[in-house]
Amino acid sequence: MSHPGTDALRGLLTAILTPFDLQGRLALEHMPAFLEFQRQSGVDGVVVCGTNGEGTSLSVPERQRVLETVLQHRGNLTVVASTGATSLTDTLELTRHAATAGADAALVLPPFFFKNPDIEGLITYFRAVLDAADLPVLLYNIPQQTAVPIRAALIERLGDHPNLVGIKDSEGDWERTRALIAGYPRLRVFAGCDLLSARCYAAGGAGCISGTANAFPEVVVAVRKAFEVAGAGAELQDAQDRLAALVAILERYPPIAVNKSVLAHRGLPRLGVCPPLINLTPAQEERLIAELRDATYL
């Protein structure tokens, strides 16, 4: 049986940035304007304090403050709280807080410091989270960052838990994402790679959780709209090709900071990143903006 909160988990969710000032301090006063920018562009929801939100660089109280700020200004947006941490105690605290604060779901990383953990350890970790969760839970597969992949054997062992409702697959391998969609019809499978957005919609996936949508939500929304209007045809491929060309530009610059630099040219406040990430240099930003204008994204 599906968790009663599962229906909200579909479409395009932006893996939203966390606003910091240029000294790396939280600047949550800028969150309302950023959420309004997302709403006006037509995204369905947001994921808070995930990879693009630099959640693992924040303390538990800071992550709770960020989520509470988003929920206060959410409007009609679906809100998913990223609650995974290396400590099971922290993950449980963040997941319980997400439920009581009013988030629609939790997105949970595996514990990522100890590499190649025994599957029994991962099962113990995730079952504790699922048992304690009073909201739907999605597993977060991003082994290029965690070095702890979420594989079929783990999903099979956890698949009977009523609080497990989906997976965000950010590995970037279409065959892997396709196999999840086909093999686990009960679960909502989100592509966490913008390059797989169109194929995920066409294959019956739940949607896309996008980092690119931070600075260019309208480009990522266009893929979802093309599928809704015309299905898996030329319009969808054209929208996906335009998104892929945009990703190719953005990937040449420091991650996460690239979106914050672009937003400063789209009417949003100037934001920075938290160490160990670095902001773009003025020269990098000048080149970036010139490239985006030449390619008609700005």
Protein backbone atom coordinates (compact mmCIF):
# COMPACT_ATOMS: atom_id res chain seq x y z
CA MET A 1 0.00 0.00 0.00
CA SER A 2 1.29 3.46 -0.90
CA HIS A 3 1.89 6.02 1.80
CA PRO A 4 -0.99 8.54 1.79
CA GLY A 5 1.42 11.40 1.11
CA THR A 6 2.86 9.88 -2.05
CA ASP A 7 0.58 11.61 -4.56
CA ALA A 8 2.35 14.96 -4.14
CA LEU A 9 5.66 13.44 -5.25
CA ARG A 10 5.70 13.96 -9.00
CA GLY A 11 6.89 16.35 -11.69
CA LEU A 12 9.77 18.78 -11.46
CA LEU A 13 11.34 19.48 -8.09
CA THR A 14 14.20 21.97 -7.82
CA ALA A 15 17.07 20.88 -5.59
CA ILE A 16 17.17 24.40 -4.22
CA LEU A 17 20.21 26.37 -3.23
CA THR A 18 20.70 27.53 0.33
CA PRO A 19 21.32 31.29 0.47
CA PHE A 20 24.64 32.25 2.04
CA ASP A 21 26.26 35.65 1.96
CA LEU A 22 29.74 36.03 0.46
CA GLN A 23 31.31 35.15 3.82
CA GLY A 24 29.49 31.79 3.88
CA ARG A 25 26.92 32.77 6.50
CA LEU A 26 23.26 31.80 6.17
CA ALA A 27 21.21 34.58 4.58
CA LEU A 28 17.70 33.18 4.90
CA GLU A 29 16.14 36.59 4.39
CA HIS A 30 16.64 35.94 0.67
CA MET A 31 14.72 32.65 0.62
CA PRO A 32 11.23 34.15 0.02
CA ALA A 33 12.33 35.90 -3.19
CA PHE A 34 14.07 32.77 -4.42
CA LEU A 35 11.00 30.60 -3.78
CA GLU A 36 8.81 33.11 -5.59
CA PHE A 37 11.19 32.95 -8.57
CA GLN A 38 10.74 29.18 -8.59
CA ARG A 39 6.95 29.33 -8.25
CA GLN A 40 6.57 31.86 -11.05
CA SER A 41 8.59 29.59 -13.34
CA GLY A 42 6.22 26.66 -12.85
CA VAL A 43 8.19 24.08 -10.87
CA ASP A 44 6.15 21.63 -8.80
CA GLY A 45 8.25 21.67 -5.67
CA VAL A 46 11.63 21.92 -4.01
CA VAL A 47 14.12 19.70 -2.21
CA VAL A 48 15.71 21.46 0.75
CA CYS A 49 19.31 21.01 2.00
CA GLY A 50 20.27 18.41 -0.56
CA THR A 51 23.48 18.43 -2.58
CA ASN A 52 22.74 21.75 -4.28
CA GLY A 53 21.57 23.09 -0.93
CA GLU A 54 24.94 22.20 0.66
CA GLY A 55 23.07 20.37 3.41
CA THR A 56 26.03 18.29 4.52
CA SER A 57 27.96 21.52 5.21
CA LEU A 58 25.32 22.66 7.71
CA SER A 59 24.67 21.74 11.32
CA VAL A 60 21.44 20.05 12.35
CA PRO A 61 19.97 23.29 13.77
CA GLU A 62 20.93 25.17 10.60
CA ARG A 63 19.26 22.57 8.40
CA GLN A 64 16.15 22.80 10.54
CA ARG A 65 16.10 26.60 10.21
CA VAL A 66 16.44 26.41 6.45
CA LEU A 67 13.56 23.93 6.18
CA GLU A 68 11.34 25.97 8.49
CA THR A 69 11.98 29.09 6.39
CA VAL A 70 11.09 27.25 3.18
CA LEU A 71 7.91 25.84 4.70
CA GLN A 72 6.88 29.27 5.91
CA HIS A 73 7.06 30.64 2.35
CA ARG A 74 6.23 27.52 0.32
CA GLY A 75 2.90 28.61 -1.14
CA ASN A 76 1.70 25.67 -3.25
CA LEU A 77 5.12 24.04 -3.64
CA THR A 78 5.74 20.44 -2.62
CA VAL A 79 8.58 20.43 -0.09
CA VAL A 80 10.97 17.50 0.36
CA ALA A 81 13.52 17.73 3.17
CA SER A 82 16.91 16.14 2.60
CA THR A 83 17.68 14.60 5.98
CA GLY A 84 20.54 12.17 5.43
CA ALA A 85 23.72 12.48 7.50
CA THR A 86 26.70 10.36 8.49
CA SER A 87 25.20 9.99 11.96
CA LEU A 88 22.03 7.94 12.33
CA THR A 89 21.14 10.08 15.35
CA ASP A 90 21.28 13.26 13.22
CA THR A 91 19.32 11.63 10.41
CA LEU A 92 16.58 10.56 12.81
CA GLU A 93 16.42 14.02 14.36
CA LEU A 94 16.23 15.73 10.96
CA THR A 95 13.63 13.28 9.63
CA ARG A 96 11.39 13.63 12.68
CA HIS A 97 11.72 17.40 12.48
CA ALA A 98 10.79 17.35 8.79
CA ALA A 99 7.55 15.53 9.62
CA THR A 100 6.56 17.77 12.52
CA ALA A 101 7.46 20.94 10.59
CA GLY A 102 5.18 19.94 7.71
CA ALA A 103 7.43 18.69 4.89
CA ASP A 104 5.80 16.41 2.34
CA ALA A 105 8.62 13.84 2.31
CA ALA A 106 12.20 13.16 3.34
CA LEU A 107 15.10 12.36 1.00
CA VAL A 108 17.71 10.23 2.77
CA LEU A 109 21.34 9.65 1.82
CA PRO A 110 23.18 6.56 2.99
CA PRO A 111 25.76 7.21 5.73
CA PHE A 112 28.72 8.24 3.63
CA PHE A 113 31.95 8.26 5.63
CA PHE A 114 32.62 4.53 5.92
CA LYS A 115 32.98 3.10 2.42
CA ASN A 116 31.82 -0.33 1.28
CA PRO A 117 29.66 -0.97 4.34
CA ASP A 118 28.07 -4.37 4.72
CA ILE A 119 24.51 -4.44 3.42
CA GLU A 120 23.28 -5.45 6.87
CA GLY A 121 24.62 -2.17 8.26
CA LEU A 122 22.81 -0.18 5.58
CA ILE A 123 19.60 -2.07 6.21
CA THR A 124 19.84 -1.35 9.94
CA TYR A 125 20.41 2.34 9.20
CA PHE A 126 17.57 2.76 6.72
CA ARG A 127 15.08 0.62 8.63
CA ALA A 128 15.63 2.77 11.71
CA VAL A 129 14.91 5.86 9.63
CA LEU A 130 11.86 4.33 7.94
CA ASP A 131 10.46 3.11 11.27
CA ALA A 132 10.83 6.56 12.82
CA ALA A 133 9.56 8.52 9.82
CA ASP A 134 6.07 9.97 10.06
CA LEU A 135 6.19 10.99 6.39
CA PRO A 136 7.08 9.40 3.02
CA VAL A 137 10.77 8.63 2.46
CA LEU A 138 12.80 8.57 -0.73
CA LEU A 139 16.24 6.96 -0.90
CA TYR A 140 18.98 9.14 -2.41
CA ASN A 141 21.44 7.38 -4.71
CA ILE A 142 24.41 9.60 -5.58
CA PRO A 143 27.49 7.35 -5.33
CA GLN A 144 29.76 9.83 -7.12
CA GLN A 145 29.50 11.87 -3.89
CA THR A 146 28.82 9.31 -1.17
CA ALA A 147 30.78 6.33 -2.61
CA VAL A 148 27.98 4.25 -1.03
CA PRO A 149 25.60 3.20 -3.81
CA ILE A 150 22.02 2.12 -3.23
CA ARG A 151 21.71 -1.13 -5.14
CA ALA A 152 18.91 -3.56 -5.93
CA ALA A 153 19.70 -5.90 -3.04
CA LEU A 154 19.16 -3.07 -0.55
CA ILE A 155 15.95 -1.90 -2.23
CA GLU A 156 14.62 -5.47 -2.23
CA ARG A 157 15.23 -5.78 1.52
CA LEU A 158 13.56 -2.43 2.27
CA GLY A 159 10.84 -2.53 -0.36
CA ASP A 160 8.08 -3.84 1.92
CA HIS A 161 8.28 -0.85 4.27
CA PRO A 162 5.20 1.38 3.90
CA ASN A 163 7.17 4.57 4.48
CA LEU A 164 9.54 3.89 1.57
CA VAL A 165 7.89 5.54 -1.43
CA GLY A 166 10.64 6.35 -3.91
CA ILE A 167 14.18 6.90 -5.06
CA LYS A 168 16.14 9.85 -6.38
CA ASP A 169 18.69 8.34 -8.74
CA SER A 170 21.52 10.79 -9.40
CA GLU A 171 24.04 8.29 -10.70
CA GLY A 172 23.53 9.57 -14.25
CA ASP A 173 23.33 6.12 -15.88
CA TRP A 174 20.12 5.81 -17.90
CA GLU A 175 20.09 2.02 -17.84
CA ARG A 176 20.26 2.15 -14.06
CA THR A 177 17.39 4.66 -13.83
CA ARG A 178 15.33 2.78 -16.42
CA ALA A 179 15.77 -0.46 -14.49
CA LEU A 180 14.54 1.20 -11.30
CA ILE A 181 11.43 2.52 -13.05
CA ALA A 182 10.67 -0.86 -14.62
CA GLY A 183 11.62 -2.98 -11.64
CA TYR A 184 9.90 -1.09 -8.82
CA PRO A 185 6.52 0.16 -10.07
CA ARG A 186 5.39 0.88 -6.50
CA LEU A 187 8.17 3.41 -6.02
CA ARG A 188 8.37 6.96 -7.36
CA VAL A 189 11.63 7.15 -9.30
CA PHE A 190 13.07 10.63 -9.92
CA ALA A 191 15.97 11.27 -12.24
CA GLY A 192 18.54 13.32 -10.39
CA CYS A 193 20.44 14.05 -13.61
CA ASP A 194 19.06 16.77 -15.89
CA LEU A 195 20.35 14.92 -18.94
CA LEU A 196 17.92 12.06 -18.22
CA SER A 197 14.85 14.23 -17.65
CA ALA A 198 12.99 13.53 -20.90
CA ARG A 199 13.72 9.79 -20.85
CA CYS A 200 12.52 9.54 -17.25
CA TYR A 201 9.17 11.15 -18.08
CA ALA A 202 8.75 9.03 -21.20
CA ALA A 203 9.53 5.78 -19.35
CA GLY A 204 6.94 6.45 -16.66
CA GLY A 205 9.21 7.86 -13.97
CA ALA A 206 7.87 10.24 -11.35
CA GLY A 207 9.85 13.20 -12.68
CA CYS A 208 13.10 15.05 -12.22
CA ILE A 209 14.88 16.60 -9.24
CA SER A 210 17.00 19.26 -10.89
CA GLY A 211 19.94 21.41 -9.88
CA THR A 212 19.87 23.38 -13.15
CA ALA A 213 16.34 24.54 -12.29
CA ASN A 214 17.81 26.82 -9.62
CA ALA A 215 19.00 29.39 -12.15
CA PHE A 216 17.02 28.30 -15.22
CA PRO A 217 13.75 26.77 -14.02
CA GLU A 218 11.97 27.71 -17.23
CA VAL A 219 14.35 25.60 -19.33
CA VAL A 220 13.78 22.51 -17.17
CA VAL A 221 10.03 23.16 -16.89
CA ALA A 222 9.89 23.20 -20.71
CA VAL A 223 10.88 19.52 -20.77
CA ARG A 224 8.07 18.54 -18.44
CA LYS A 225 5.55 20.67 -20.35
CA ALA A 226 6.62 19.23 -23.71
CA PHE A 227 5.99 15.72 -22.39
CA GLU A 228 2.62 16.68 -20.92
CA VAL A 229 1.47 18.32 -24.15
CA ALA A 230 2.95 16.15 -26.88
CA GLY A 231 4.33 13.01 -25.23
CA ALA A 232 7.60 11.41 -26.28
CA GLY A 233 8.07 13.13 -29.61
CA ALA A 234 10.09 15.81 -31.36
CA GLU A 235 8.96 18.61 -29.02
CA LEU A 236 10.21 16.70 -26.00
CA GLN A 237 13.55 15.99 -27.66
CA ASP A 238 13.96 19.65 -28.66
CA ALA A 239 13.31 20.76 -25.08
CA GLN A 240 15.76 18.16 -23.76
CA ASP A 241 18.42 19.20 -26.29
CA ARG A 242 18.14 22.81 -25.15
CA LEU A 243 18.49 21.72 -21.53
CA ALA A 244 21.52 19.56 -22.37
CA ALA A 245 23.25 22.44 -24.14
CA LEU A 246 22.68 24.61 -21.07
CA VAL A 247 24.08 21.94 -18.75
CA ALA A 248 27.18 21.70 -20.95
CA ILE A 249 27.87 25.39 -20.35
CA LEU A 250 27.21 25.34 -16.62
CA GLU A 251 29.38 22.27 -16.02
CA ARG A 252 32.48 24.17 -17.07
CA TYR A 253 32.32 26.28 -13.90
CA PRO A 254 32.55 25.58 -10.15
CA PRO A 255 29.47 23.60 -9.06
CA ILE A 256 26.60 25.21 -7.16
CA ALA A 257 28.38 28.59 -7.22
CA VAL A 258 27.64 28.73 -10.95
CA ASN A 259 23.89 28.88 -10.28
CA LYS A 260 24.36 31.55 -7.63
CA SER A 261 26.36 33.70 -10.03
CA VAL A 262 23.65 33.39 -12.69
CA LEU A 263 20.89 34.30 -10.24
CA ALA A 264 22.66 37.58 -9.48
CA HIS A 265 22.05 38.44 -13.15
CA ARG A 266 18.41 37.37 -13.03
CA GLY A 267 17.18 39.80 -10.40
CA LEU A 268 18.04 37.77 -7.29
CA PRO A 269 20.48 38.84 -4.56
CA ARG A 270 24.18 38.11 -4.81
CA LEU A 271 24.75 34.80 -2.97
CA GLY A 272 27.84 32.86 -2.02
CA VAL A 273 28.69 29.27 -1.18
CA CYS A 274 29.87 27.65 2.03
CA PRO A 275 33.39 26.18 2.33
CA PRO A 276 34.81 23.92 1.01
CA LEU A 277 33.05 25.15 -2.15
CA ILE A 278 34.33 28.32 -3.82
CA ASN A 279 32.62 31.19 -5.59
CA LEU A 280 33.31 32.04 -9.20
CA THR A 281 36.03 34.60 -9.79
CA PRO A 282 34.96 37.82 -11.52
CA ALA A 283 36.68 36.63 -14.70
CA GLN A 284 34.88 33.29 -14.60
CA GLU A 285 31.54 34.97 -14.06
CA GLU A 286 32.13 37.37 -16.94
CA ARG A 287 32.88 34.45 -19.28
CA LEU A 288 29.89 32.48 -18.02
CA ILE A 289 27.40 35.29 -18.54
CA ALA A 290 28.80 36.00 -22.00
CA GLU A 291 28.41 32.32 -22.97
CA LEU A 292 24.85 32.19 -21.70
CA ARG A 293 23.90 35.36 -23.56
CA ASP A 294 25.49 34.13 -26.77
CA ALA A 295 23.45 30.93 -26.43
CA THR A 296 20.24 32.95 -25.74
CA TYR A 297 19.70 31.62 -22.21
CA LEU A 298 19.97 35.16 -20.82
